[in-house]
Amino acid sequence: MAVSLQPIKRGLAAIALLGLALPALAQTSVSDAWVRASVPHQPSTGAFMTLTASTDSKLVGVASPVAKTVQVHEMTMNGDVMGMREVKAVELPAGKPVSLDPNGYHV
């Protein structure tokens, strides 16, 4: 009687893939979230919150079902001139709250 090793191979492959995915299972909590109200003819607004990750992580993207475009920006001041630029990632150190606010990173 021949025994097929195919189910065992599939099971081992699934376990190996799960092991690769474990770092992505970090928990991140969101607190104190709010969105600035927009005014007539203003096409955009900002969202602000505090993020706390359980392990060293990065915020690498944002999305919303009610907005066509959603980005993470960083506000900077150079003398009296305010600047804003899109960022590709925001570091989330393990256990340390990271504030997304009007004076720094924001959505």
PDB file of N, CA and C in Angstrom:
ATOM      1  N   MET A   1       0.845  -1.171   0.000  1.00  0.00           N
ATOM      2  CA  MET A   1       0.000   0.000   0.000  1.00  0.00           C
ATOM      3  C   MET A   1       0.900   1.247   0.000  1.00  0.00           C
ATOM      4  N   ALA A   2       0.675   2.143  -0.939  1.00  0.00           N
ATOM      5  CA  ALA A   2       1.462   3.367  -1.052  1.00  0.00           C
ATOM      6  C   ALA A   2       0.792   4.480  -0.252  1.00  0.00           C
ATOM      7  N   VAL A   3       1.598   5.241   0.466  1.00  0.00           N
ATOM      8  CA  VAL A   3       1.089   6.360   1.259  1.00  0.00           C
ATOM      9  C   VAL A   3       1.514   7.643   0.577  1.00  0.00           C
ATOM     10  N   SER A   4       0.559   8.527   0.369  1.00  0.00           N
ATOM     11  CA  SER A   4       0.855   9.808  -0.274  1.00  0.00           C
ATOM     12  C   SER A   4       1.420  10.790   0.748  1.00  0.00           C
ATOM     13  N   LEU A   5       2.525  11.408   0.421  1.00  0.00           N
ATOM     14  CA  LEU A   5       3.123  12.422   1.289  1.00  0.00           C
ATOM     15  C   LEU A   5       2.632  13.828   0.941  1.00  0.00           C
ATOM     16  N   GLN A   6       1.795  13.940  -0.085  1.00  0.00           N
ATOM     17  CA  GLN A   6       1.319  15.244  -0.541  1.00  0.00           C
ATOM     18  C   GLN A   6       0.613  16.030   0.574  1.00  0.00           C
ATOM     19  N   PRO A   7      -0.339  15.442   1.342  1.00  0.00           N
ATOM     20  CA  PRO A   7      -0.983  16.218   2.413  1.00  0.00           C
ATOM     21  C   PRO A   7       0.010  16.683   3.474  1.00  0.00           C
ATOM     22  N   ILE A   8       1.005  15.856   3.779  1.00  0.00           N
ATOM     23  CA  ILE A   8       2.002  16.248   4.776  1.00  0.00           C
ATOM     24  C   ILE A   8       2.849  17.400   4.245  1.00  0.00           C
ATOM     25  N   LYS A   9       3.252  17.326   2.972  1.00  0.00           N
ATOM     26  CA  LYS A   9       4.031  18.413   2.367  1.00  0.00           C
ATOM     27  C   LYS A   9       3.241  19.717   2.381  1.00  0.00           C
ATOM     28  N   ARG A  10       1.953  19.644   2.054  1.00  0.00           N
ATOM     29  CA  ARG A  10       1.111  20.852   2.064  1.00  0.00           C
ATOM     30  C   ARG A  10       1.021  21.431   3.473  1.00  0.00           C
ATOM     31  N   GLY A  11       0.849  20.552   4.448  1.00  0.00           N
ATOM     32  CA  GLY A  11       0.762  21.009   5.840  1.00  0.00           C
ATOM     33  C   GLY A  11       2.038  21.686   6.296  1.00  0.00           C
ATOM     34  N   LEU A  12       3.186  21.096   5.965  1.00  0.00           N
ATOM     35  CA  LEU A  12       4.465  21.709   6.329  1.00  0.00           C
ATOM     36  C   LEU A  12       4.662  23.049   5.632  1.00  0.00           C
ATOM     37  N   ALA A  13       4.246  23.135   4.375  1.00  0.00           N
ATOM     38  CA  ALA A  13       4.358  24.410   3.647  1.00  0.00           C
ATOM     39  C   ALA A  13       3.484  25.468   4.304  1.00  0.00           C
ATOM     40  N   ALA A  14       2.271  25.096   4.721  1.00  0.00           N
ATOM     41  CA  ALA A  14       1.371  26.051   5.381  1.00  0.00           C
ATOM     42  C   ALA A  14       1.958  26.538   6.697  1.00  0.00           C
ATOM     43  N   ILE A  15       2.560  25.630   7.471  1.00  0.00           N
ATOM     44  CA  ILE A  15       3.187  26.015   8.739  1.00  0.00           C
ATOM     45  C   ILE A  15       4.364  26.955   8.492  1.00  0.00           C
ATOM     46  N   ALA A  16       5.160  26.673   7.466  1.00  0.00           N
ATOM     47  CA  ALA A  16       6.295  27.542   7.141  1.00  0.00           C
ATOM     48  C   ALA A  16       5.816  28.937   6.750  1.00  0.00           C
ATOM     49  N   LEU A  17       4.758  29.017   5.951  1.00  0.00           N
ATOM     50  CA  LEU A  17       4.224  30.323   5.558  1.00  0.00           C
ATOM     51  C   LEU A  17       3.649  31.066   6.751  1.00  0.00           C
ATOM     52  N   LEU A  18       2.998  30.355   7.661  1.00  0.00           N
ATOM     53  CA  LEU A  18       2.471  30.990   8.865  1.00  0.00           C
ATOM     54  C   LEU A  18       3.604  31.574   9.682  1.00  0.00           C
ATOM     55  N   GLY A  19       4.714  30.858   9.779  1.00  0.00           N
ATOM     56  CA  GLY A  19       5.873  31.362  10.510  1.00  0.00           C
ATOM     57  C   GLY A  19       6.408  32.655   9.915  1.00  0.00           C
ATOM     58  N   LEU A  20       6.362  32.778   8.603  1.00  0.00           N
ATOM     59  CA  LEU A  20       6.807  34.015   7.950  1.00  0.00           C
ATOM     60  C   LEU A  20       5.843  35.153   8.214  1.00  0.00           C
ATOM     61  N   ALA A  21       4.564  34.851   8.424  1.00  0.00           N
ATOM     62  CA  ALA A  21       3.552  35.886   8.622  1.00  0.00           C
ATOM     63  C   ALA A  21       3.475  36.363  10.063  1.00  0.00           C
ATOM     64  N   LEU A  22       4.021  35.640  11.017  1.00  0.00           N
ATOM     65  CA  LEU A  22       3.886  36.009  12.421  1.00  0.00           C
ATOM     66  C   LEU A  22       4.354  37.427  12.744  1.00  0.00           C
ATOM     67  N   PRO A  23       5.467  37.912  12.183  1.00  0.00           N
ATOM     68  CA  PRO A  23       5.849  39.287  12.486  1.00  0.00           C
ATOM     69  C   PRO A  23       4.778  40.303  12.067  1.00  0.00           C
ATOM     70  N   ALA A  24       3.953  39.975  11.102  1.00  0.00           N
ATOM     71  CA  ALA A  24       2.913  40.896  10.647  1.00  0.00           C
ATOM     72  C   ALA A  24       1.699  40.894  11.559  1.00  0.00           C
ATOM     73  N   LEU A  25       1.683  40.040  12.584  1.00  0.00           N
ATOM     74  CA  LEU A  25       0.532  39.949  13.465  1.00  0.00           C
ATOM     75  C   LEU A  25       0.627  40.883  14.663  1.00  0.00           C
ATOM     76  N   ALA A  26       1.537  41.826  14.660  1.00  0.00           N
ATOM     77  CA  ALA A  26       1.662  42.767  15.762  1.00  0.00           C
ATOM     78  C   ALA A  26       0.360  43.533  15.939  1.00  0.00           C
ATOM     79  N   GLN A  27      -0.014  43.758  17.188  1.00  0.00           N
ATOM     80  CA  GLN A  27      -1.222  44.511  17.491  1.00  0.00           C
ATOM     81  C   GLN A  27      -0.878  45.996  17.608  1.00  0.00           C
ATOM     82  N   THR A  28      -1.682  46.833  16.990  1.00  0.00           N
ATOM     83  CA  THR A  28      -1.521  48.276  17.091  1.00  0.00           C
ATOM     84  C   THR A  28      -2.840  48.861  17.546  1.00  0.00           C
ATOM     85  N   SER A  29      -2.795  49.636  18.616  1.00  0.00           N
ATOM     86  CA  SER A  29      -4.025  50.263  19.106  1.00  0.00           C
ATOM     87  C   SER A  29      -4.072  51.717  18.671  1.00  0.00           C
ATOM     88  N   VAL A  30      -5.289  52.194  18.474  1.00  0.00           N
ATOM     89  CA  VAL A  30      -5.539  53.579  18.089  1.00  0.00           C
ATOM     90  C   VAL A  30      -6.346  54.219  19.203  1.00  0.00           C
ATOM     91  N   SER A  31      -5.901  55.380  19.674  1.00  0.00           N
ATOM     92  CA  SER A  31      -6.646  56.097  20.708  1.00  0.00           C
ATOM     93  C   SER A  31      -6.714  57.574  20.364  1.00  0.00           C
ATOM     94  N   ASP A  32      -7.662  58.250  20.975  1.00  0.00           N
ATOM     95  CA  ASP A  32      -7.834  59.703  20.814  1.00  0.00           C
ATOM     96  C   ASP A  32      -7.937  60.135  19.354  1.00  0.00           C
ATOM     97  N   ALA A  33      -8.625  59.345  18.537  1.00  0.00           N
ATOM     98  CA  ALA A  33      -8.747  59.664  17.105  1.00  0.00           C
ATOM     99  C   ALA A  33      -9.798  60.743  16.871  1.00  0.00           C
ATOM    100  N   TRP A  34      -9.469  61.669  15.967  1.00  0.00           N
ATOM    101  CA  TRP A  34     -10.429  62.688  15.563  1.00  0.00           C
ATOM    102  C   TRP A  34     -10.078  63.190  14.168  1.00  0.00           C
ATOM    103  N   VAL A  35     -11.071  63.756  13.504  1.00  0.00           N
ATOM    104  CA  VAL A  35     -10.894  64.307  12.159  1.00  0.00           C
ATOM    105  C   VAL A  35     -11.337  65.755  12.184  1.00  0.00           C
ATOM    106  N   ARG A  36     -10.510  66.619  11.636  1.00  0.00           N
ATOM    107  CA  ARG A  36     -10.845  68.044  11.569  1.00  0.00           C
ATOM    108  C   ARG A  36     -11.986  68.241  10.568  1.00  0.00           C
ATOM    109  N   ALA A  37     -12.985  68.993  10.956  1.00  0.00           N
ATOM    110  CA  ALA A  37     -14.103  69.286  10.061  1.00  0.00           C
ATOM    111  C   ALA A  37     -13.609  70.147   8.902  1.00  0.00           C
ATOM    112  N   SER A  38     -14.148  69.901   7.739  1.00  0.00           N
ATOM    113  CA  SER A  38     -13.780  70.719   6.582  1.00  0.00           C
ATOM    114  C   SER A  38     -14.785  71.852   6.424  1.00  0.00           C
ATOM    115  N   VAL A  39     -14.418  72.828   5.640  1.00  0.00           N
ATOM    116  CA  VAL A  39     -15.294  73.972   5.362  1.00  0.00           C
ATOM    117  C   VAL A  39     -15.688  73.911   3.888  1.00  0.00           C
ATOM    118  N   PRO A  40     -16.738  74.631   3.494  1.00  0.00           N
ATOM    119  CA  PRO A  40     -17.139  74.599   2.075  1.00  0.00           C
ATOM    120  C   PRO A  40     -15.961  74.895   1.144  1.00  0.00           C
ATOM    121  N   HIS A  41     -15.901  74.150   0.066  1.00  0.00           N
ATOM    122  CA  HIS A  41     -14.878  74.276  -0.976  1.00  0.00           C
ATOM    123  C   HIS A  41     -13.489  73.820  -0.540  1.00  0.00           C
ATOM    124  N   GLN A  42     -13.380  73.242   0.648  1.00  0.00           N
ATOM    125  CA  GLN A  42     -12.099  72.685   1.089  1.00  0.00           C
ATOM    126  C   GLN A  42     -12.087  71.214   0.697  1.00  0.00           C
ATOM    127  N   PRO A  43     -11.184  70.806  -0.194  1.00  0.00           N
ATOM    128  CA  PRO A  43     -11.217  69.430  -0.708  1.00  0.00           C
ATOM    129  C   PRO A  43     -10.601  68.377   0.219  1.00  0.00           C
ATOM    130  N   SER A  44      -9.927  68.801   1.288  1.00  0.00           N
ATOM    131  CA  SER A  44      -9.271  67.808   2.145  1.00  0.00           C
ATOM    132  C   SER A  44      -9.342  68.223   3.604  1.00  0.00           C
ATOM    133  N   THR A  45      -8.988  67.285   4.450  1.00  0.00           N
ATOM    134  CA  THR A  45      -8.959  67.532   5.886  1.00  0.00           C
ATOM    135  C   THR A  45      -7.844  66.696   6.486  1.00  0.00           C
ATOM    136  N   GLY A  46      -7.759  66.637   7.791  1.00  0.00           N
ATOM    137  CA  GLY A  46      -6.731  65.845   8.457  1.00  0.00           C
ATOM    138  C   GLY A  46      -7.338  64.945   9.510  1.00  0.00           C
ATOM    139  N   ALA A  47      -6.717  63.789   9.697  1.00  0.00           N
ATOM    140  CA  ALA A  47      -7.109  62.870  10.762  1.00  0.00           C
ATOM    141  C   ALA A  47      -5.927  62.733  11.713  1.00  0.00           C
ATOM    142  N   PHE A  48      -6.245  62.676  12.999  1.00  0.00           N
ATOM    143  CA  PHE A  48      -5.214  62.692  14.031  1.00  0.00           C
ATOM    144  C   PHE A  48      -5.522  61.607  15.060  1.00  0.00           C
ATOM    145  N   MET A  49      -4.492  61.030  15.661  1.00  0.00           N
ATOM    146  CA  MET A  49      -4.681  59.928  16.603  1.00  0.00           C
ATOM    147  C   MET A  49      -3.360  59.604  17.281  1.00  0.00           C
ATOM    148  N   THR A  50      -3.426  58.703  18.242  1.00  0.00           N
ATOM    149  CA  THR A  50      -2.220  58.148  18.857  1.00  0.00           C
ATOM    150  C   THR A  50      -2.184  56.663  18.541  1.00  0.00           C
ATOM    151  N   LEU A  51      -1.052  56.190  18.020  1.00  0.00           N
ATOM    152  CA  LEU A  51      -0.863  54.781  17.680  1.00  0.00           C
ATOM    153  C   LEU A  51       0.140  54.166  18.647  1.00  0.00           C
ATOM    154  N   THR A  52      -0.182  52.978  19.155  1.00  0.00           N
ATOM    155  CA  THR A  52       0.737  52.248  20.023  1.00  0.00           C
ATOM    156  C   THR A  52       0.808  50.814  19.527  1.00  0.00           C
ATOM    157  N   ALA A  53       1.998  50.372  19.138  1.00  0.00           N
ATOM    158  CA  ALA A  53       2.202  49.025  18.598  1.00  0.00           C
ATOM    159  C   ALA A  53       2.779  48.116  19.678  1.00  0.00           C
ATOM    160  N   SER A  54       2.423  46.840  19.625  1.00  0.00           N
ATOM    161  CA  SER A  54       2.923  45.879  20.605  1.00  0.00           C
ATOM    162  C   SER A  54       4.365  45.456  20.322  1.00  0.00           C
ATOM    163  N   THR A  55       4.794  45.555  19.076  1.00  0.00           N
ATOM    164  CA  THR A  55       6.173  45.245  18.694  1.00  0.00           C
ATOM    165  C   THR A  55       6.659  46.346  17.754  1.00  0.00           C
ATOM    166  N   ASP A  56       7.958  46.439  17.564  1.00  0.00           N
ATOM    167  CA  ASP A  56       8.490  47.432  16.629  1.00  0.00           C
ATOM    168  C   ASP A  56       7.815  47.236  15.275  1.00  0.00           C
ATOM    169  N   SER A  57       7.192  48.282  14.774  1.00  0.00           N
ATOM    170  CA  SER A  57       6.415  48.212  13.541  1.00  0.00           C
ATOM    171  C   SER A  57       6.573  49.507  12.765  1.00  0.00           C
ATOM    172  N   LYS A  58       5.911  49.552  11.621  1.00  0.00           N
ATOM    173  CA  LYS A  58       5.863  50.763  10.810  1.00  0.00           C
ATOM    174  C   LYS A  58       4.452  50.927  10.273  1.00  0.00           C
ATOM    175  N   LEU A  59       3.984  52.157  10.233  1.00  0.00           N
ATOM    176  CA  LEU A  59       2.760  52.489   9.515  1.00  0.00           C
ATOM    177  C   LEU A  59       3.202  52.746   8.084  1.00  0.00           C
ATOM    178  N   VAL A  60       2.755  51.919   7.150  1.00  0.00           N
ATOM    179  CA  VAL A  60       3.215  52.035   5.766  1.00  0.00           C
ATOM    180  C   VAL A  60       2.098  52.384   4.795  1.00  0.00           C
ATOM    181  N   GLY A  61       0.876  52.511   5.281  1.00  0.00           N
ATOM    182  CA  GLY A  61      -0.215  52.862   4.384  1.00  0.00           C
ATOM    183  C   GLY A  61      -1.486  53.137   5.143  1.00  0.00           C
ATOM    184  N   VAL A  62      -2.352  53.899   4.529  1.00  0.00           N
ATOM    185  CA  VAL A  62      -3.655  54.220   5.098  1.00  0.00           C
ATOM    186  C   VAL A  62      -4.691  54.168   3.988  1.00  0.00           C
ATOM    187  N   ALA A  63      -5.944  53.909   4.372  1.00  0.00           N
ATOM    188  CA  ALA A  63      -7.036  53.867   3.401  1.00  0.00           C
ATOM    189  C   ALA A  63      -8.324  54.256   4.099  1.00  0.00           C
ATOM    190  N   SER A  64      -9.289  54.691   3.327  1.00  0.00           N
ATOM    191  CA  SER A  64     -10.596  55.048   3.861  1.00  0.00           C
ATOM    192  C   SER A  64     -11.661  54.759   2.812  1.00  0.00           C
ATOM    193  N   PRO A  65     -12.807  54.214   3.243  1.00  0.00           N
ATOM    194  CA  PRO A  65     -13.881  53.973   2.280  1.00  0.00           C
ATOM    195  C   PRO A  65     -14.595  55.261   1.858  1.00  0.00           C
ATOM    196  N   VAL A  66     -14.312  56.383   2.520  1.00  0.00           N
ATOM    197  CA  VAL A  66     -15.016  57.632   2.211  1.00  0.00           C
ATOM    198  C   VAL A  66     -14.124  58.691   1.574  1.00  0.00           C
ATOM    199  N   ALA A  67     -12.866  58.355   1.330  1.00  0.00           N
ATOM    200  CA  ALA A  67     -11.954  59.333   0.729  1.00  0.00           C
ATOM    201  C   ALA A  67     -11.286  58.730  -0.493  1.00  0.00           C
ATOM    202  N   LYS A  68     -11.216  59.525  -1.545  1.00  0.00           N
ATOM    203  CA  LYS A  68     -10.578  59.067  -2.781  1.00  0.00           C
ATOM    204  C   LYS A  68      -9.079  58.875  -2.595  1.00  0.00           C
ATOM    205  N   THR A  69      -8.441  59.803  -1.904  1.00  0.00           N
ATOM    206  CA  THR A  69      -7.005  59.749  -1.664  1.00  0.00           C
ATOM    207  C   THR A  69      -6.748  59.913  -0.173  1.00  0.00           C
ATOM    208  N   VAL A  70      -5.920  59.034   0.389  1.00  0.00           N
ATOM    209  CA  VAL A  70      -5.544  59.115   1.800  1.00  0.00           C
ATOM    210  C   VAL A  70      -4.032  58.943   1.869  1.00  0.00           C
ATOM    211  N   GLN A  71      -3.370  59.854   2.555  1.00  0.00           N
ATOM    212  CA  GLN A  71      -1.912  59.817   2.652  1.00  0.00           C
ATOM    213  C   GLN A  71      -1.485  60.176   4.065  1.00  0.00           C
ATOM    214  N   VAL A  72      -0.289  59.743   4.438  1.00  0.00           N
ATOM    215  CA  VAL A  72       0.332  60.188   5.689  1.00  0.00           C
ATOM    216  C   VAL A  72       1.307  61.296   5.318  1.00  0.00           C
ATOM    217  N   HIS A  73       1.169  62.422   6.001  1.00  0.00           N
ATOM    218  CA  HIS A  73       2.036  63.578   5.765  1.00  0.00           C
ATOM    219  C   HIS A  73       2.790  63.947   7.033  1.00  0.00           C
ATOM    220  N   GLU A  74       3.835  64.709   6.841  1.00  0.00           N
ATOM    221  CA  GLU A  74       4.551  65.307   7.952  1.00  0.00           C
ATOM    222  C   GLU A  74       4.566  66.811   7.746  1.00  0.00           C
ATOM    223  N   MET A  75       4.141  67.548   8.783  1.00  0.00           N
ATOM    224  CA  MET A  75       4.167  69.005   8.742  1.00  0.00           C
ATOM    225  C   MET A  75       5.469  69.464   9.384  1.00  0.00           C
ATOM    226  N   THR A  76       6.145  70.398   8.742  1.00  0.00           N
ATOM    227  CA  THR A  76       7.381  70.951   9.277  1.00  0.00           C
ATOM    228  C   THR A  76       7.320  72.472   9.208  1.00  0.00           C
ATOM    229  N   MET A  77       8.111  73.107  10.047  1.00  0.00           N
ATOM    230  CA  MET A  77       8.244  74.566  10.006  1.00  0.00           C
ATOM    231  C   MET A  77       9.694  74.893   9.695  1.00  0.00           C
ATOM    232  N   ASN A  78       9.885  75.786   8.719  1.00  0.00           N
ATOM    233  CA  ASN A  78      11.207  76.295   8.370  1.00  0.00           C
ATOM    234  C   ASN A  78      11.118  77.802   8.517  1.00  0.00           C
ATOM    235  N   GLY A  79      11.494  78.295   9.693  1.00  0.00           N
ATOM    236  CA  GLY A  79      11.270  79.706   9.994  1.00  0.00           C
ATOM    237  C   GLY A  79       9.781  79.938  10.141  1.00  0.00           C
ATOM    238  N   ASP A  80       9.225  80.841   9.346  1.00  0.00           N
ATOM    239  CA  ASP A  80       7.794  81.117   9.384  1.00  0.00           C
ATOM    240  C   ASP A  80       7.029  80.389   8.287  1.00  0.00           C
ATOM    241  N   VAL A  81       7.691  79.489   7.582  1.00  0.00           N
ATOM    242  CA  VAL A  81       7.066  78.804   6.455  1.00  0.00           C
ATOM    243  C   VAL A  81       6.715  77.366   6.828  1.00  0.00           C
ATOM    244  N   MET A  82       5.414  77.053   6.719  1.00  0.00           N
ATOM    245  CA  MET A  82       4.966  75.693   6.983  1.00  0.00           C
ATOM    246  C   MET A  82       5.142  74.863   5.721  1.00  0.00           C
ATOM    247  N   GLY A  83       5.623  73.647   5.886  1.00  0.00           N
ATOM    248  CA  GLY A  83       5.760  72.735   4.764  1.00  0.00           C
ATOM    249  C   GLY A  83       5.079  71.421   5.091  1.00  0.00           C
ATOM    250  N   MET A  84       4.686  70.709   4.056  1.00  0.00           N
ATOM    251  CA  MET A  84       4.065  69.418   4.248  1.00  0.00           C
ATOM    252  C   MET A  84       4.571  68.491   3.161  1.00  0.00           C
ATOM    253  N   ARG A  85       4.884  67.246   3.557  1.00  0.00           N
ATOM    254  CA  ARG A  85       5.334  66.279   2.569  1.00  0.00           C
ATOM    255  C   ARG A  85       4.787  64.910   2.938  1.00  0.00           C
ATOM    256  N   GLU A  86       4.502  64.117   1.920  1.00  0.00           N
ATOM    257  CA  GLU A  86       4.045  62.755   2.144  1.00  0.00           C
ATOM    258  C   GLU A  86       5.211  61.920   2.651  1.00  0.00           C
ATOM    259  N   VAL A  87       4.941  61.031   3.586  1.00  0.00           N
ATOM    260  CA  VAL A  87       5.964  60.111   4.081  1.00  0.00           C
ATOM    261  C   VAL A  87       5.574  58.689   3.697  1.00  0.00           C
ATOM    262  N   LYS A  88       6.559  57.860   3.464  1.00  0.00           N
ATOM    263  CA  LYS A  88       6.318  56.471   3.061  1.00  0.00           C
ATOM    264  C   LYS A  88       6.083  55.560   4.248  1.00  0.00           C
ATOM    265  N   ALA A  89       6.603  55.935   5.444  1.00  0.00           N
ATOM    266  CA  ALA A  89       6.432  55.101   6.633  1.00  0.00           C
ATOM    267  C   ALA A  89       6.621  55.949   7.883  1.00  0.00           C
ATOM    268  N   VAL A  90       5.949  55.532   8.956  1.00  0.00           N
ATOM    269  CA  VAL A  90       6.125  56.146  10.267  1.00  0.00           C
ATOM    270  C   VAL A  90       6.542  55.015  11.211  1.00  0.00           C
ATOM    271  N   GLU A  91       7.682  55.177  11.861  1.00  0.00           N
ATOM    272  CA  GLU A  91       8.170  54.170  12.805  1.00  0.00           C
ATOM    273  C   GLU A  91       7.242  54.109  14.014  1.00  0.00           C
ATOM    274  N   LEU A  92       6.917  52.882  14.453  1.00  0.00           N
ATOM    275  CA  LEU A  92       6.100  52.650  15.643  1.00  0.00           C
ATOM    276  C   LEU A  92       6.909  51.771  16.600  1.00  0.00           C
ATOM    277  N   PRO A  93       7.708  52.386  17.491  1.00  0.00           N
ATOM    278  CA  PRO A  93       8.506  51.597  18.430  1.00  0.00           C
ATOM    279  C   PRO A  93       7.600  50.828  19.396  1.00  0.00           C
ATOM    280  N   ALA A  94       7.991  49.637  19.765  1.00  0.00           N
ATOM    281  CA  ALA A  94       7.185  48.775  20.637  1.00  0.00           C
ATOM    282  C   ALA A  94       6.811  49.493  21.937  1.00  0.00           C
ATOM    283  N   GLY A  95       5.507  49.540  22.215  1.00  0.00           N
ATOM    284  CA  GLY A  95       5.010  50.057  23.480  1.00  0.00           C
ATOM    285  C   GLY A  95       5.070  51.561  23.655  1.00  0.00           C
ATOM    286  N   LYS A  96       5.562  52.301  22.666  1.00  0.00           N
ATOM    287  CA  LYS A  96       5.676  53.758  22.797  1.00  0.00           C
ATOM    288  C   LYS A  96       4.614  54.440  21.947  1.00  0.00           C
ATOM    289  N   PRO A  97       3.767  55.261  22.567  1.00  0.00           N
ATOM    290  CA  PRO A  97       2.738  55.968  21.791  1.00  0.00           C
ATOM    291  C   PRO A  97       3.364  56.916  20.770  1.00  0.00           C
ATOM    292  N   VAL A  98       2.825  56.897  19.563  1.00  0.00           N
ATOM    293  CA  VAL A  98       3.262  57.803  18.495  1.00  0.00           C
ATOM    294  C   VAL A  98       2.062  58.676  18.146  1.00  0.00           C
ATOM    295  N   SER A  99       2.238  59.963  18.298  1.00  0.00           N
ATOM    296  CA  SER A  99       1.147  60.903  18.071  1.00  0.00           C
ATOM    297  C   SER A  99       1.111  61.363  16.624  1.00  0.00           C
ATOM    298  N   LEU A 100      -0.044  61.232  16.013  1.00  0.00           N
ATOM    299  CA  LEU A 100      -0.300  61.833  14.702  1.00  0.00           C
ATOM    300  C   LEU A 100      -1.151  63.057  14.994  1.00  0.00           C
ATOM    301  N   ASP A 101      -0.561  64.242  14.863  1.00  0.00           N
ATOM    302  CA  ASP A 101      -1.243  65.468  15.276  1.00  0.00           C
ATOM    303  C   ASP A 101      -1.011  66.575  14.263  1.00  0.00           C
ATOM    304  N   PRO A 102      -1.714  67.703  14.402  1.00  0.00           N
ATOM    305  CA  PRO A 102      -1.583  68.783  13.418  1.00  0.00           C
ATOM    306  C   PRO A 102      -0.176  69.354  13.278  1.00  0.00           C
ATOM    307  N   ASN A 103       0.697  69.122  14.265  1.00  0.00           N
ATOM    308  CA  ASN A 103       2.043  69.707  14.240  1.00  0.00           C
ATOM    309  C   ASN A 103       3.135  68.744  13.804  1.00  0.00           C
ATOM    310  N   GLY A 104       2.760  67.578  13.287  1.00  0.00           N
ATOM    311  CA  GLY A 104       3.765  66.589  12.880  1.00  0.00           C
ATOM    312  C   GLY A 104       3.173  65.649  11.853  1.00  0.00           C
ATOM    313  N   TYR A 105       3.293  64.346  12.130  1.00  0.00           N
ATOM    314  CA  TYR A 105       2.671  63.362  11.237  1.00  0.00           C
ATOM    315  C   TYR A 105       1.166  63.448  11.370  1.00  0.00           C
ATOM    316  N   HIS A 106       0.454  63.253  10.262  1.00  0.00           N
ATOM    317  CA  HIS A 106      -1.007  63.208  10.276  1.00  0.00           C
ATOM    318  C   HIS A 106      -1.508  62.522   9.023  1.00  0.00           C
ATOM    319  N   VAL A 107      -2.751  62.120   9.063  1.00  0.00           N
ATOM    320  CA  VAL A 107      -3.382  61.460   7.906  1.00  0.00           C
ATOM    321  C   VAL A 107      -4.204  62.494   7.172  1.00  0.00           C
TER     322      VAL A 107
END
